[in-house]
């Protein structure tokens, strides 16, 4: 009997999920460059709010069922998860990044995504304790430690510590929202429907926070029409949300939160390489060694 005839019906979808995982990791690794261009031209929470206004508006208009999620039975979970994964995540994360060096922010945020998702799934009984995830987490942490080992001194005093706490809060908000989103996907809600409904919630929450806490003026709306900020915003909308987040929700449904969240070990490698190309950031032995460790962590975790 040939190898082809021995394949199970699930083989093709499994390969597709692995391909989508790679696409998601590549896209979210690229969004750091786009976000950097956007928040350098306008207040960060305002930029995030504009992103989700566009995403929510488009999907609310084009995807049937988004409005029903917002107002129908079970809408309380939708509003809670949308607040957690969009409003709570970006309001605290972006504020914290204003007071913390990028290396420290990455070291705090990225491994905690994978660790937080795994811990929450274990606590909820949705994941089994096997050797793969702890091994991947340890290897990924080692890679991130190598990658940022020259940038982790906390010398900024009280505001830097508050910034780190804000990043941790945003990371936990994202992890909790992701885990609580999975039951909706398992009950037949499509990834596009959930993306659209959570984007509407995020737009409302981020818009309110920006209006209350940021010095937003008409000049910032005019800035959105300039080529670089507009390109940054469209990239975040089309690729960062429509593409990558929708893939993430599919993998969340099929794989579970802890395994889907292992993009946190692949995306930094992409960001590192693109940072070298776009901004001439350093790429030496430490960065290459870290990249191998991070990719090894992802391979251990996602291989059958």
Protein backbone atom coordinates (compact mmCIF):
# COMPACT_ATOMS: atom_id res chain seq x y z
CA UNK A 1 0.00 0.00 0.00
CA UNK A 2 1.41 3.41 -0.98
CA UNK A 3 2.10 6.23 1.44
CA UNK A 4 -0.62 8.27 -0.25
CA UNK A 5 -3.32 5.68 0.37
CA UNK A 6 -2.29 5.43 4.01
CA UNK A 7 -2.98 9.09 4.71
CA UNK A 8 -5.92 9.85 6.95
CA UNK A 9 -8.66 12.31 5.93
CA UNK A 10 -7.28 14.75 8.51
CA UNK A 11 -3.81 14.91 6.90
CA UNK A 12 -4.58 17.69 4.41
CA UNK A 13 -6.28 20.02 6.94
CA UNK A 14 -3.39 19.42 9.35
CA UNK A 15 -0.86 20.45 6.69
CA UNK A 16 -2.99 23.49 5.87
CA UNK A 17 -3.00 24.51 9.53
CA UNK A 18 0.80 24.28 9.65
CA UNK A 19 1.05 26.45 6.54
CA UNK A 20 -1.37 28.97 8.03
CA UNK A 21 0.65 28.99 11.26
CA UNK A 22 3.72 29.97 9.23
CA UNK A 23 1.79 32.71 7.40
CA UNK A 24 0.42 34.07 10.68
CA UNK A 25 3.88 34.12 12.26
CA UNK A 26 5.38 35.90 9.24
CA UNK A 27 2.64 38.52 9.20
CA UNK A 28 2.71 39.24 12.92
CA UNK A 29 6.49 39.44 12.79
CA UNK A 30 6.11 42.10 10.09
CA UNK A 31 3.55 44.18 11.98
CA UNK A 32 6.23 45.52 14.36
CA UNK A 33 7.64 47.60 11.50
CA UNK A 34 4.20 48.82 10.46
CA UNK A 35 3.23 49.67 14.04
CA UNK A 36 6.49 51.54 14.58
CA UNK A 37 5.75 53.73 11.58
CA UNK A 38 2.19 54.37 12.76
CA UNK A 39 2.77 55.26 16.41
CA UNK A 40 5.68 57.52 15.50
CA UNK A 41 3.19 59.76 13.69
CA UNK A 42 0.20 59.72 16.07
CA UNK A 43 -0.83 58.75 19.62
CA UNK A 44 -0.59 54.95 20.04
CA UNK A 45 -4.07 54.20 21.42
CA UNK A 46 -5.61 56.48 18.77
CA UNK A 47 -3.74 54.52 16.10
CA UNK A 48 -5.02 51.23 17.55
CA UNK A 49 -8.57 52.62 17.72
CA UNK A 50 -8.45 53.63 14.04
CA UNK A 51 -7.31 50.13 13.15
CA UNK A 52 -10.28 48.50 14.84
CA UNK A 53 -12.78 51.06 13.58
CA UNK A 54 -11.83 50.03 10.03
CA UNK A 55 -11.78 46.31 10.80
CA UNK A 56 -15.07 46.36 12.69
CA UNK A 57 -16.82 48.54 10.12
CA UNK A 58 -15.79 46.41 7.15
CA UNK A 59 -16.62 43.05 8.74
CA UNK A 60 -19.87 44.35 10.25
CA UNK A 61 -20.96 45.37 6.75
CA UNK A 62 -19.71 42.33 4.82
CA UNK A 63 -19.86 39.30 7.14
CA UNK A 64 -23.31 38.01 8.11
CA UNK A 65 -23.76 37.26 11.78
CA UNK A 66 -21.42 39.88 13.26
CA UNK A 67 -24.29 42.04 14.49
CA UNK A 68 -26.05 39.01 15.97
CA UNK A 69 -22.96 38.20 18.03
CA UNK A 70 -22.93 41.72 19.43
CA UNK A 71 -26.59 41.72 20.48
CA UNK A 72 -27.82 38.12 20.43
CA UNK A 73 -27.78 35.29 22.97
CA UNK A 74 -24.38 34.85 24.59
CA UNK A 75 -23.28 38.36 23.70
CA UNK A 76 -21.89 38.91 27.20
CA UNK A 77 -18.97 36.54 26.47
CA UNK A 78 -18.36 38.32 23.17
CA UNK A 79 -18.16 41.73 24.82
CA UNK A 80 -15.91 40.36 27.54
CA UNK A 81 -13.48 38.68 25.13
CA UNK A 82 -13.45 41.65 22.74
CA UNK A 83 -12.59 43.94 25.63
CA UNK A 84 -9.82 41.60 26.79
CA UNK A 85 -8.11 40.78 23.47
CA UNK A 86 -8.36 44.25 21.91
CA UNK A 87 -9.08 47.06 24.39
CA UNK A 88 -7.31 45.64 27.43
CA UNK A 89 -4.36 44.34 25.43
CA UNK A 90 -3.49 47.37 23.32
CA UNK A 91 -4.35 50.12 25.80
CA UNK A 92 -1.97 48.71 28.41
CA UNK A 93 0.67 47.27 26.09
CA UNK A 94 1.13 50.43 24.05
CA UNK A 95 1.19 52.61 27.16
CA UNK A 96 3.81 50.38 28.74
CA UNK A 97 5.99 50.43 25.63
CA UNK A 98 6.31 54.20 25.96
CA UNK A 99 8.24 53.72 29.21
CA UNK A 100 10.18 50.50 28.54
CA UNK A 101 13.02 49.75 26.15
CA UNK A 102 11.95 47.62 23.21
CA UNK A 103 14.19 44.73 24.26
CA UNK A 104 12.69 44.63 27.75
CA UNK A 105 9.17 44.91 26.34
CA UNK A 106 9.75 41.99 24.00
CA UNK A 107 11.31 39.87 26.71
CA UNK A 108 8.35 40.54 29.01
CA UNK A 109 5.58 40.14 26.43
CA UNK A 110 6.48 37.38 23.99
CA UNK A 111 7.31 34.43 26.24
CA UNK A 112 4.46 35.35 28.57
CA UNK A 113 1.98 34.92 25.69
CA UNK A 114 2.99 31.29 25.24
CA UNK A 115 3.36 30.64 28.97
CA UNK A 116 0.09 32.38 29.86
CA UNK A 117 -1.96 30.51 27.24
CA UNK A 118 -0.53 27.16 28.30
CA UNK A 119 -1.09 27.85 32.00
CA UNK A 120 -4.70 28.94 31.44
CA UNK A 121 -5.45 25.87 29.32
CA UNK A 122 -3.97 23.60 31.99
CA UNK A 123 -6.04 25.33 34.67
CA UNK A 124 -9.22 24.90 32.61
CA UNK A 125 -8.45 21.24 31.81
CA UNK A 126 -8.17 21.97 28.07
CA UNK A 127 -4.53 20.86 27.73
CA UNK A 128 -2.57 17.81 28.84
CA UNK A 129 0.84 18.11 30.45
CA UNK A 130 3.23 16.47 27.95
CA UNK A 131 6.95 16.97 27.38
CA UNK A 132 6.53 19.05 24.21
CA UNK A 133 5.14 22.31 25.56
CA UNK A 134 7.46 22.62 28.58
CA UNK A 135 10.43 21.79 26.34
CA UNK A 136 9.33 24.36 23.76
CA UNK A 137 8.75 27.00 26.41
CA UNK A 138 12.19 26.45 27.97
CA UNK A 139 13.90 26.54 24.59
CA UNK A 140 11.96 29.64 23.57
CA UNK A 141 12.78 31.42 26.82
CA UNK A 142 16.45 30.62 26.27
CA UNK A 143 16.25 32.09 22.77
CA UNK A 144 14.59 35.28 23.97
CA UNK A 145 17.12 35.61 26.79
CA UNK A 146 19.97 35.39 24.25
CA UNK A 147 18.22 37.80 21.89
CA UNK A 148 17.68 40.52 24.48
CA UNK A 149 20.47 39.84 26.97
CA UNK A 150 22.17 43.18 26.30
CA UNK A 151 18.94 45.18 26.63
CA UNK A 152 17.35 43.93 29.83
CA UNK A 153 18.80 46.23 32.49
CA UNK A 154 15.96 48.05 34.23
CA UNK A 155 17.38 51.50 34.86
CA UNK A 156 14.38 53.72 34.31
CA UNK A 157 13.10 53.70 37.88
CA UNK A 158 9.46 53.73 38.88
CA UNK A 159 7.93 54.57 35.50
CA UNK A 160 9.80 51.72 33.83
CA UNK A 161 8.54 49.29 36.46
CA UNK A 162 5.00 50.59 35.90
CA UNK A 163 5.54 50.10 32.18
CA UNK A 164 6.60 46.48 32.71
CA UNK A 165 3.54 45.87 34.90
CA UNK A 166 1.35 47.38 32.17
CA UNK A 167 2.89 45.07 29.55
CA UNK A 168 2.29 42.08 31.81
CA UNK A 169 -1.32 43.19 32.34
CA UNK A 170 -1.85 43.53 28.59
CA UNK A 171 -0.32 40.11 27.95
CA UNK A 172 -2.54 38.45 30.56
CA UNK A 173 -5.58 40.25 29.12
CA UNK A 174 -4.78 38.86 25.66
CA UNK A 175 -4.22 35.32 26.96
CA UNK A 176 -7.41 35.26 29.02
CA UNK A 177 -9.46 36.68 26.16
CA UNK A 178 -8.06 34.08 23.75
CA UNK A 179 -8.85 31.13 26.02
CA UNK A 180 -12.37 32.42 26.69
CA UNK A 181 -12.94 32.92 22.94
CA UNK A 182 -12.45 29.27 22.03
CA UNK A 183 -15.87 27.98 23.19
CA UNK A 184 -17.59 30.40 20.79
CA UNK A 185 -15.58 29.02 17.87
CA UNK A 186 -16.42 25.46 18.90
CA UNK A 187 -20.12 26.33 18.89
CA UNK A 188 -20.08 27.30 15.22
CA UNK A 189 -19.05 30.97 15.23
CA UNK A 190 -16.69 31.52 12.28
CA UNK A 191 -13.29 33.21 12.69
CA UNK A 192 -14.38 36.15 10.51
CA UNK A 193 -17.55 36.66 12.58
CA UNK A 194 -15.59 36.65 15.82
CA UNK A 195 -12.87 38.91 14.40
CA UNK A 196 -15.48 41.45 13.30
CA UNK A 197 -17.50 41.43 16.52
CA UNK A 198 -14.42 41.67 18.76
CA UNK A 199 -13.08 44.48 16.55
CA UNK A 200 -16.25 46.52 17.10
CA UNK A 201 -15.88 46.08 20.86
CA UNK A 202 -12.19 47.00 20.63
CA UNK A 203 -12.91 50.10 18.55
CA UNK A 204 -15.42 51.38 21.10
CA UNK A 205 -13.15 50.73 24.07
CA UNK A 206 -9.94 52.05 22.51
CA UNK A 207 -11.75 55.08 21.10
CA UNK A 208 -13.09 55.96 24.54
CA UNK A 209 -9.66 55.56 26.18
CA UNK A 210 -7.96 57.64 23.49
CA UNK A 211 -10.55 60.43 23.80
CA UNK A 212 -10.09 60.55 27.57
CA UNK A 213 -6.33 60.05 27.88
CA UNK A 214 -4.60 61.25 24.71
CA UNK A 215 -4.16 64.73 23.18
CA UNK A 216 -5.90 63.85 19.92
CA UNK A 217 -6.62 66.74 17.55
CA UNK A 218 -7.80 67.23 14.00
CA UNK A 219 -4.19 67.16 12.85
CA UNK A 220 -3.99 63.49 13.78
CA UNK A 221 -6.93 62.67 11.51
CA UNK A 222 -5.17 64.58 8.73
CA UNK A 223 -2.02 62.56 9.44
CA UNK A 224 -3.93 59.38 8.63
CA UNK A 225 -4.12 60.52 4.99
CA UNK A 226 -0.35 60.82 4.66
CA UNK A 227 1.30 57.97 2.72
CA UNK A 228 3.39 56.31 5.47
CA UNK A 229 0.82 56.38 8.32
CA UNK A 230 -1.93 55.32 5.90
CA UNK A 231 0.17 52.43 4.57
CA UNK A 232 0.97 51.41 8.15
CA UNK A 233 -2.68 51.47 9.17
CA UNK A 234 -3.81 49.50 6.09
CA UNK A 235 -1.12 46.88 6.65
CA UNK A 236 -2.23 46.43 10.25
CA UNK A 237 -5.88 46.18 9.16
CA UNK A 238 -5.52 43.91 6.11
CA UNK A 239 -2.68 41.66 7.19
CA UNK A 240 -2.42 42.09 10.97
CA UNK A 241 -6.15 41.57 11.62
CA UNK A 242 -8.06 40.31 8.57
CA UNK A 243 -5.35 37.78 7.73
CA UNK A 244 -3.29 36.90 10.81
CA UNK A 245 -5.90 37.22 13.56
CA UNK A 246 -8.47 35.26 11.56
CA UNK A 247 -5.88 32.50 11.04
CA UNK A 248 -5.14 32.61 14.76
CA UNK A 249 -8.82 32.06 15.57
CA UNK A 250 -8.93 29.06 13.22
CA UNK A 251 -5.85 27.58 14.90
CA UNK A 252 -7.32 28.44 18.31
CA UNK A 253 -10.34 26.31 17.41
CA UNK A 254 -8.34 23.45 15.87
CA UNK A 255 -5.20 23.38 18.04
CA UNK A 256 -6.08 25.13 21.27
CA UNK A 257 -4.73 28.38 22.67
CA UNK A 258 -1.36 27.18 23.94
CA UNK A 259 -0.24 25.66 20.63
CA UNK A 260 -1.66 28.47 18.47
CA UNK A 261 0.11 31.00 20.71
CA UNK A 262 3.52 29.59 19.88
CA UNK A 263 3.79 32.15 17.09
CA UNK A 264 5.40 34.13 19.93
CA UNK A 265 8.59 32.13 19.27
CA UNK A 266 8.54 32.58 15.47
CA UNK A 267 7.43 36.20 15.05
CA UNK A 268 10.48 37.67 16.88
CA UNK A 269 12.76 35.97 14.34
CA UNK A 270 10.80 37.56 11.49
CA UNK A 271 10.86 40.94 13.21
CA UNK A 272 14.61 40.61 13.75
CA UNK A 273 15.32 39.92 10.08
CA UNK A 274 12.97 42.64 8.82
CA UNK A 275 14.40 45.11 11.33
CA UNK A 276 17.81 44.47 9.83
CA UNK A 277 16.49 45.08 6.30
CA UNK A 278 14.25 48.06 7.07
CA UNK A 279 16.11 49.89 9.84
CA UNK A 280 19.64 48.42 9.65
CA UNK A 281 19.29 47.03 13.17
CA UNK A 282 22.12 44.77 14.42
CA UNK A 283 22.16 41.11 13.38
CA UNK A 284 25.13 39.28 14.91
CA UNK A 285 25.95 35.96 16.54
CA UNK A 286 23.54 36.49 19.47
CA UNK A 287 20.65 37.24 17.15
CA UNK A 288 21.39 34.23 14.90
CA UNK A 289 21.68 31.87 17.90
CA UNK A 290 18.44 33.21 19.35
CA UNK A 291 16.67 32.72 16.03
CA UNK A 292 17.69 29.05 15.92
CA UNK A 293 16.51 28.48 19.50
CA UNK A 294 13.17 30.18 18.88
CA UNK A 295 12.49 28.30 15.66
CA UNK A 296 13.50 25.05 17.35
CA UNK A 297 10.96 25.74 20.09
CA UNK A 298 8.20 26.21 17.53
CA UNK A 299 9.15 23.02 15.63
CA UNK A 300 9.09 20.93 18.84
CA UNK A 301 5.67 22.28 19.78
CA UNK A 302 3.81 22.06 16.46
CA UNK A 303 5.18 18.79 15.04
CA UNK A 304 3.09 15.69 15.50
